[in-house]
Amino acid sequence: MTFLWQEYRSSKNYKVQTSDYSIAKKLKRRKKFHISAFAINYPLWIFSCYFTRPDIAKKVLESITRKKSKIDSEGLFIYE
């Protein structure tokens, strides 16, 4: 499962959290994404990235995960 959210409102910094190894591997290869946290015992990676607009961030994640996003009540994008 992969999540996308803004660090704070009207910010251009985003966080991507994933528990899927193949998605994490794809994100590691991209220059815009940097690992900000990971868990050793449980497969979990958190990447930070910078996008000018939220729709661009959403499109990039849809192309990486090859899945459509769902929006949570708190504004969190979920890719299952």
PDB file of N, CA and C in Angstrom:
ATOM      1  N   MET A   1       0.837  -1.166   0.000  1.00  0.00           N
ATOM      2  CA  MET A   1       0.000   0.000   0.000  1.00  0.00           C
ATOM      3  C   MET A   1       0.895   1.246   0.000  1.00  0.00           C
ATOM      4  N   THR A   2       0.505   2.242  -0.755  1.00  0.00           N
ATOM      5  CA  THR A   2       1.299   3.457  -0.901  1.00  0.00           C
ATOM      6  C   THR A   2       0.443   4.676  -0.584  1.00  0.00           C
ATOM      7  N   PHE A   3       1.023   5.630   0.138  1.00  0.00           N
ATOM      8  CA  PHE A   3       0.327   6.851   0.530  1.00  0.00           C
ATOM      9  C   PHE A   3       1.117   8.068   0.061  1.00  0.00           C
ATOM     10  N   LEU A   4       0.407   9.136  -0.256  1.00  0.00           N
ATOM     11  CA  LEU A   4       1.007  10.406  -0.649  1.00  0.00           C
ATOM     12  C   LEU A   4       0.335  11.516   0.139  1.00  0.00           C
ATOM     13  N   TRP A   5       1.127  12.407   0.748  1.00  0.00           N
ATOM     14  CA  TRP A   5       0.556  13.545   1.455  1.00  0.00           C
ATOM     15  C   TRP A   5       1.529  14.716   1.433  1.00  0.00           C
ATOM     16  N   GLN A   6       0.974  15.914   1.645  1.00  0.00           N
ATOM     17  CA  GLN A   6       1.788  17.125   1.771  1.00  0.00           C
ATOM     18  C   GLN A   6       2.311  17.211   3.200  1.00  0.00           C
ATOM     19  N   GLU A   7       3.518  17.734   3.343  1.00  0.00           N
ATOM     20  CA  GLU A   7       4.071  17.874   4.692  1.00  0.00           C
ATOM     21  C   GLU A   7       3.216  18.822   5.527  1.00  0.00           C
ATOM     22  N   TYR A   8       2.846  19.943   4.959  1.00  0.00           N
ATOM     23  CA  TYR A   8       1.893  20.850   5.589  1.00  0.00           C
ATOM     24  C   TYR A   8       1.154  21.589   4.487  1.00  0.00           C
ATOM     25  N   ARG A   9       0.033  22.151   4.808  1.00  0.00           N
ATOM     26  CA  ARG A   9      -0.852  22.770   3.825  1.00  0.00           C
ATOM     27  C   ARG A   9      -0.134  23.860   3.030  1.00  0.00           C
ATOM     28  N   SER A  10      -0.413  23.891   1.739  1.00  0.00           N
ATOM     29  CA  SER A  10       0.155  24.829   0.756  1.00  0.00           C
ATOM     30  C   SER A  10       1.681  24.733   0.680  1.00  0.00           C
ATOM     31  N   SER A  11       2.200  23.574   0.977  1.00  0.00           N
ATOM     32  CA  SER A  11       3.636  23.313   0.861  1.00  0.00           C
ATOM     33  C   SER A  11       3.907  22.568  -0.444  1.00  0.00           C
ATOM     34  N   LYS A  12       5.092  22.704  -0.969  1.00  0.00           N
ATOM     35  CA  LYS A  12       5.454  21.987  -2.186  1.00  0.00           C
ATOM     36  C   LYS A  12       6.253  20.728  -1.867  1.00  0.00           C
ATOM     37  N   ASN A  13       6.399  20.435  -0.587  1.00  0.00           N
ATOM     38  CA  ASN A  13       7.088  19.226  -0.140  1.00  0.00           C
ATOM     39  C   ASN A  13       6.063  18.133   0.140  1.00  0.00           C
ATOM     40  N   TYR A  14       6.339  16.960  -0.370  1.00  0.00           N
ATOM     41  CA  TYR A  14       5.426  15.826  -0.226  1.00  0.00           C
ATOM     42  C   TYR A  14       6.166  14.656   0.398  1.00  0.00           C
ATOM     43  N   LYS A  15       5.405  13.760   0.995  1.00  0.00           N
ATOM     44  CA  LYS A  15       5.927  12.516   1.542  1.00  0.00           C
ATOM     45  C   LYS A  15       5.194  11.359   0.865  1.00  0.00           C
ATOM     46  N   VAL A  16       5.942  10.307   0.573  1.00  0.00           N
ATOM     47  CA  VAL A  16       5.383   9.085  -0.003  1.00  0.00           C
ATOM     48  C   VAL A  16       5.772   7.948   0.926  1.00  0.00           C
ATOM     49  N   GLN A  17       4.768   7.211   1.392  1.00  0.00           N
ATOM     50  CA  GLN A  17       5.015   6.076   2.276  1.00  0.00           C
ATOM     51  C   GLN A  17       4.566   4.818   1.567  1.00  0.00           C
ATOM     52  N   THR A  18       5.409   3.800   1.555  1.00  0.00           N
ATOM     53  CA  THR A  18       5.045   2.554   0.898  1.00  0.00           C
ATOM     54  C   THR A  18       5.549   1.360   1.690  1.00  0.00           C
ATOM     55  N   SER A  19       4.830   0.265   1.590  1.00  0.00           N
ATOM     56  CA  SER A  19       5.266  -0.993   2.191  1.00  0.00           C
ATOM     57  C   SER A  19       5.563  -2.023   1.098  1.00  0.00           C
ATOM     58  N   ASP A  20       5.491  -1.607  -0.149  1.00  0.00           N
ATOM     59  CA  ASP A  20       5.741  -2.483  -1.292  1.00  0.00           C
ATOM     60  C   ASP A  20       7.189  -2.315  -1.755  1.00  0.00           C
ATOM     61  N   TYR A  21       7.948  -3.411  -1.755  1.00  0.00           N
ATOM     62  CA  TYR A  21       9.360  -3.356  -2.104  1.00  0.00           C
ATOM     63  C   TYR A  21       9.575  -2.909  -3.551  1.00  0.00           C
ATOM     64  N   SER A  22       8.740  -3.359  -4.480  1.00  0.00           N
ATOM     65  CA  SER A  22       8.925  -2.989  -5.886  1.00  0.00           C
ATOM     66  C   SER A  22       8.701  -1.490  -6.111  1.00  0.00           C
ATOM     67  N   ILE A  23       7.760  -0.900  -5.410  1.00  0.00           N
ATOM     68  CA  ILE A  23       7.514   0.541  -5.511  1.00  0.00           C
ATOM     69  C   ILE A  23       8.695   1.303  -4.898  1.00  0.00           C
ATOM     70  N   ALA A  24       9.181   0.841  -3.754  1.00  0.00           N
ATOM     71  CA  ALA A  24      10.323   1.493  -3.101  1.00  0.00           C
ATOM     72  C   ALA A  24      11.554   1.436  -3.998  1.00  0.00           C
ATOM     73  N   LYS A  25      11.729   0.342  -4.679  1.00  0.00           N
ATOM     74  CA  LYS A  25      12.866   0.201  -5.587  1.00  0.00           C
ATOM     75  C   LYS A  25      12.777   1.198  -6.740  1.00  0.00           C
ATOM     76  N   LYS A  26      11.573   1.399  -7.275  1.00  0.00           N
ATOM     77  CA  LYS A  26      11.364   2.375  -8.354  1.00  0.00           C
ATOM     78  C   LYS A  26      11.614   3.799  -7.862  1.00  0.00           C
ATOM     79  N   LEU A  27      11.156   4.090  -6.646  1.00  0.00           N
ATOM     80  CA  LEU A  27      11.333   5.433  -6.099  1.00  0.00           C
ATOM     81  C   LEU A  27      12.801   5.729  -5.791  1.00  0.00           C
ATOM     82  N   LYS A  28      13.556   4.716  -5.380  1.00  0.00           N
ATOM     83  CA  LYS A  28      14.980   4.908  -5.096  1.00  0.00           C
ATOM     84  C   LYS A  28      15.748   5.308  -6.352  1.00  0.00           C
ATOM     85  N   ARG A  29      15.297   4.844  -7.508  1.00  0.00           N
ATOM     86  CA  ARG A  29      15.984   5.137  -8.766  1.00  0.00           C
ATOM     87  C   ARG A  29      15.721   6.551  -9.277  1.00  0.00           C
ATOM     88  N   ARG A  30      14.673   7.188  -8.805  1.00  0.00           N
ATOM     89  CA  ARG A  30      14.332   8.533  -9.269  1.00  0.00           C
ATOM     90  C   ARG A  30      15.100   9.581  -8.492  1.00  0.00           C
ATOM     91  N   LYS A  31      15.529  10.628  -9.195  1.00  0.00           N
ATOM     92  CA  LYS A  31      16.339  11.681  -8.564  1.00  0.00           C
ATOM     93  C   LYS A  31      15.526  12.569  -7.632  1.00  0.00           C
ATOM     94  N   LYS A  32      14.230  12.742  -7.893  1.00  0.00           N
ATOM     95  CA  LYS A  32      13.405  13.632  -7.073  1.00  0.00           C
ATOM     96  C   LYS A  32      13.067  13.051  -5.704  1.00  0.00           C
ATOM     97  N   PHE A  33      13.120  11.747  -5.563  1.00  0.00           N
ATOM     98  CA  PHE A  33      12.704  11.094  -4.327  1.00  0.00           C
ATOM     99  C   PHE A  33      13.922  10.736  -3.479  1.00  0.00           C
ATOM    100  N   HIS A  34      13.856  11.123  -2.202  1.00  0.00           N
ATOM    101  CA  HIS A  34      14.945  10.841  -1.264  1.00  0.00           C
ATOM    102  C   HIS A  34      14.363  10.113  -0.057  1.00  0.00           C
ATOM    103  N   ILE A  35      15.048   9.086   0.398  1.00  0.00           N
ATOM    104  CA  ILE A  35      14.574   8.339   1.571  1.00  0.00           C
ATOM    105  C   ILE A  35      14.715   9.219   2.804  1.00  0.00           C
ATOM    106  N   SER A  36      13.609   9.378   3.523  1.00  0.00           N
ATOM    107  CA  SER A  36      13.669  10.148   4.762  1.00  0.00           C
ATOM    108  C   SER A  36      13.538   9.250   5.978  1.00  0.00           C
ATOM    109  N   ALA A  37      12.941   8.043   5.806  1.00  0.00           N
ATOM    110  CA  ALA A  37      12.825   7.095   6.916  1.00  0.00           C
ATOM    111  C   ALA A  37      12.539   5.702   6.358  1.00  0.00           C
ATOM    112  N   PHE A  38      12.950   4.685   7.109  1.00  0.00           N
ATOM    113  CA  PHE A  38      12.603   3.314   6.765  1.00  0.00           C
ATOM    114  C   PHE A  38      12.612   2.471   8.028  1.00  0.00           C
ATOM    115  N   ALA A  39      11.899   1.361   7.970  1.00  0.00           N
ATOM    116  CA  ALA A  39      11.825   0.449   9.112  1.00  0.00           C
ATOM    117  C   ALA A  39      12.541  -0.841   8.760  1.00  0.00           C
ATOM    118  N   ILE A  40      13.219  -1.405   9.710  1.00  0.00           N
ATOM    119  CA  ILE A  40      13.990  -2.625   9.469  1.00  0.00           C
ATOM    120  C   ILE A  40      13.132  -3.866   9.643  1.00  0.00           C
ATOM    121  N   ASN A  41      12.382  -3.944  10.722  1.00  0.00           N
ATOM    122  CA  ASN A  41      11.599  -5.147  11.010  1.00  0.00           C
ATOM    123  C   ASN A  41      10.358  -5.281  10.136  1.00  0.00           C
ATOM    124  N   TYR A  42       9.756  -4.183   9.803  1.00  0.00           N
ATOM    125  CA  TYR A  42       8.556  -4.173   8.972  1.00  0.00           C
ATOM    126  C   TYR A  42       8.899  -3.442   7.681  1.00  0.00           C
ATOM    127  N   PRO A  43       8.555  -4.014   6.521  1.00  0.00           N
ATOM    128  CA  PRO A  43       8.921  -3.332   5.272  1.00  0.00           C
ATOM    129  C   PRO A  43       8.157  -2.013   5.117  1.00  0.00           C
ATOM    130  N   LEU A  44       8.839  -0.907   5.356  1.00  0.00           N
ATOM    131  CA  LEU A  44       8.223   0.408   5.267  1.00  0.00           C
ATOM    132  C   LEU A  44       9.279   1.433   4.875  1.00  0.00           C
ATOM    133  N   TRP A  45       8.975   2.204   3.829  1.00  0.00           N
ATOM    134  CA  TRP A  45       9.879   3.257   3.366  1.00  0.00           C
ATOM    135  C   TRP A  45       9.086   4.553   3.283  1.00  0.00           C
ATOM    136  N   ILE A  46       9.704   5.664   3.682  1.00  0.00           N
ATOM    137  CA  ILE A  46       9.097   6.981   3.547  1.00  0.00           C
ATOM    138  C   ILE A  46      10.074   7.843   2.750  1.00  0.00           C
ATOM    139  N   PHE A  47       9.584   8.396   1.651  1.00  0.00           N
ATOM    140  CA  PHE A  47      10.388   9.223   0.764  1.00  0.00           C
ATOM    141  C   PHE A  47       9.891  10.654   0.825  1.00  0.00           C
ATOM    142  N   SER A  48      10.788  11.600   0.688  1.00  0.00           N
ATOM    143  CA  SER A  48      10.390  13.000   0.568  1.00  0.00           C
ATOM    144  C   SER A  48      10.652  13.432  -0.872  1.00  0.00           C
ATOM    145  N   CYS A  49       9.808  14.331  -1.362  1.00  0.00           N
ATOM    146  CA  CYS A  49       9.941  14.812  -2.738  1.00  0.00           C
ATOM    147  C   CYS A  49       9.370  16.223  -2.828  1.00  0.00           C
ATOM    148  N   TYR A  50       9.639  16.887  -3.943  1.00  0.00           N
ATOM    149  CA  TYR A  50       9.232  18.267  -4.161  1.00  0.00           C
ATOM    150  C   TYR A  50       8.485  18.340  -5.493  1.00  0.00           C
ATOM    151  N   PHE A  51       7.241  18.825  -5.463  1.00  0.00           N
ATOM    152  CA  PHE A  51       6.437  19.044  -6.667  1.00  0.00           C
ATOM    153  C   PHE A  51       5.792  20.415  -6.582  1.00  0.00           C
ATOM    154  N   THR A  52       5.632  21.065  -7.729  1.00  0.00           N
ATOM    155  CA  THR A  52       5.057  22.405  -7.726  1.00  0.00           C
ATOM    156  C   THR A  52       3.551  22.383  -7.527  1.00  0.00           C
ATOM    157  N   ARG A  53       2.905  21.320  -8.020  1.00  0.00           N
ATOM    158  CA  ARG A  53       1.443  21.225  -7.888  1.00  0.00           C
ATOM    159  C   ARG A  53       1.044  19.823  -7.441  1.00  0.00           C
ATOM    160  N   PRO A  54      -0.060  19.701  -6.696  1.00  0.00           N
ATOM    161  CA  PRO A  54      -0.481  18.379  -6.220  1.00  0.00           C
ATOM    162  C   PRO A  54      -0.920  17.440  -7.344  1.00  0.00           C
ATOM    163  N   ASP A  55      -1.468  17.975  -8.426  1.00  0.00           N
ATOM    164  CA  ASP A  55      -1.900  17.093  -9.504  1.00  0.00           C
ATOM    165  C   ASP A  55      -0.707  16.435 -10.199  1.00  0.00           C
ATOM    166  N   ILE A  56       0.430  17.113 -10.240  1.00  0.00           N
ATOM    167  CA  ILE A  56       1.638  16.519 -10.822  1.00  0.00           C
ATOM    168  C   ILE A  56       2.141  15.386  -9.920  1.00  0.00           C
ATOM    169  N   ALA A  57       2.138  15.611  -8.625  1.00  0.00           N
ATOM    170  CA  ALA A  57       2.559  14.573  -7.685  1.00  0.00           C
ATOM    171  C   ALA A  57       1.661  13.342  -7.811  1.00  0.00           C
ATOM    172  N   LYS A  58       0.386  13.580  -7.945  1.00  0.00           N
ATOM    173  CA  LYS A  58      -0.571  12.482  -8.080  1.00  0.00           C
ATOM    174  C   LYS A  58      -0.320  11.693  -9.367  1.00  0.00           C
ATOM    175  N   LYS A  59      -0.077  12.387 -10.480  1.00  0.00           N
ATOM    176  CA  LYS A  59       0.186  11.711 -11.762  1.00  0.00           C
ATOM    177  C   LYS A  59       1.461  10.879 -11.717  1.00  0.00           C
ATOM    178  N   VAL A  60       2.494  11.419 -11.097  1.00  0.00           N
ATOM    179  CA  VAL A  60       3.763  10.695 -11.000  1.00  0.00           C
ATOM    180  C   VAL A  60       3.577   9.404 -10.204  1.00  0.00           C
ATOM    181  N   LEU A  61       2.886   9.485  -9.079  1.00  0.00           N
ATOM    182  CA  LEU A  61       2.659   8.285  -8.278  1.00  0.00           C
ATOM    183  C   LEU A  61       1.761   7.282  -8.989  1.00  0.00           C
ATOM    184  N   GLU A  62       0.788   7.766  -9.757  1.00  0.00           N
ATOM    185  CA  GLU A  62      -0.054   6.850 -10.524  1.00  0.00           C
ATOM    186  C   GLU A  62       0.761   6.126 -11.586  1.00  0.00           C
ATOM    187  N   SER A  63       1.727   6.815 -12.189  1.00  0.00           N
ATOM    188  CA  SER A  63       2.555   6.157 -13.200  1.00  0.00           C
ATOM    189  C   SER A  63       3.525   5.157 -12.564  1.00  0.00           C
ATOM    190  N   ILE A  64       4.005   5.448 -11.367  1.00  0.00           N
ATOM    191  CA  ILE A  64       4.933   4.534 -10.694  1.00  0.00           C
ATOM    192  C   ILE A  64       4.198   3.297 -10.176  1.00  0.00           C
ATOM    193  N   THR A  65       3.058   3.508  -9.521  1.00  0.00           N
ATOM    194  CA  THR A  65       2.325   2.384  -8.931  1.00  0.00           C
ATOM    195  C   THR A  65       1.440   1.662  -9.939  1.00  0.00           C
ATOM    196  N   ARG A  66       1.114   2.347 -11.038  1.00  0.00           N
ATOM    197  CA  ARG A  66       0.205   1.820 -12.068  1.00  0.00           C
ATOM    198  C   ARG A  66      -1.181   1.508 -11.490  1.00  0.00           C
ATOM    199  N   LYS A  67      -1.588   2.347 -10.545  1.00  0.00           N
ATOM    200  CA  LYS A  67      -2.906   2.216  -9.915  1.00  0.00           C
ATOM    201  C   LYS A  67      -3.523   3.589  -9.770  1.00  0.00           C
ATOM    202  N   LYS A  68      -4.834   3.654  -9.766  1.00  0.00           N
ATOM    203  CA  LYS A  68      -5.555   4.907  -9.554  1.00  0.00           C
ATOM    204  C   LYS A  68      -5.569   5.233  -8.071  1.00  0.00           C
ATOM    205  N   SER A  69      -5.632   6.506  -7.758  1.00  0.00           N
ATOM    206  CA  SER A  69      -5.602   6.930  -6.363  1.00  0.00           C
ATOM    207  C   SER A  69      -7.015   7.090  -5.814  1.00  0.00           C
ATOM    208  N   LYS A  70      -7.105   6.909  -4.515  1.00  0.00           N
ATOM    209  CA  LYS A  70      -8.319   7.183  -3.767  1.00  0.00           C
ATOM    210  C   LYS A  70      -7.965   8.249  -2.745  1.00  0.00           C
ATOM    211  N   ILE A  71      -8.913   9.129  -2.454  1.00  0.00           N
ATOM    212  CA  ILE A  71      -8.648  10.210  -1.505  1.00  0.00           C
ATOM    213  C   ILE A  71      -9.310   9.891  -0.174  1.00  0.00           C
ATOM    214  N   ASP A  72      -8.549   9.996   0.882  1.00  0.00           N
ATOM    215  CA  ASP A  72      -9.020   9.793   2.235  1.00  0.00           C
ATOM    216  C   ASP A  72      -9.754  11.043   2.697  1.00  0.00           C
ATOM    217  N   SER A  73     -10.473  10.969   3.810  1.00  0.00           N
ATOM    218  CA  SER A  73     -11.194  12.128   4.337  1.00  0.00           C
ATOM    219  C   SER A  73     -10.238  13.224   4.813  1.00  0.00           C
ATOM    220  N   GLU A  74      -8.992  12.879   5.089  1.00  0.00           N
ATOM    221  CA  GLU A  74      -8.023  13.854   5.564  1.00  0.00           C
ATOM    222  C   GLU A  74      -7.156  14.403   4.429  1.00  0.00           C
ATOM    223  N   GLY A  75      -7.457  14.050   3.183  1.00  0.00           N
ATOM    224  CA  GLY A  75      -6.696  14.553   2.043  1.00  0.00           C
ATOM    225  C   GLY A  75      -5.504  13.693   1.685  1.00  0.00           C
ATOM    226  N   LEU A  76      -5.468  12.480   2.169  1.00  0.00           N
ATOM    227  CA  LEU A  76      -4.390  11.540   1.904  1.00  0.00           C
ATOM    228  C   LEU A  76      -4.708  10.745   0.640  1.00  0.00           C
ATOM    229  N   PHE A  77      -3.763  10.662  -0.293  1.00  0.00           N
ATOM    230  CA  PHE A  77      -3.955   9.863  -1.489  1.00  0.00           C
ATOM    231  C   PHE A  77      -3.484   8.443  -1.207  1.00  0.00           C
ATOM    232  N   ILE A  78      -4.331   7.457  -1.528  1.00  0.00           N
ATOM    233  CA  ILE A  78      -4.020   6.057  -1.259  1.00  0.00           C
ATOM    234  C   ILE A  78      -3.974   5.310  -2.584  1.00  0.00           C
ATOM    235  N   TYR A  79      -2.913   4.526  -2.781  1.00  0.00           N
ATOM    236  CA  TYR A  79      -2.746   3.702  -3.981  1.00  0.00           C
ATOM    237  C   TYR A  79      -2.695   2.253  -3.517  1.00  0.00           C
ATOM    238  N   GLU A  80      -3.766   1.495  -3.797  1.00  0.00           N
ATOM    239  CA  GLU A  80      -3.825   0.093  -3.359  1.00  0.00           C
ATOM    240  C   GLU A  80      -3.560  -0.821  -4.505  1.00  0.00           C
TER     241      GLU A  80
END
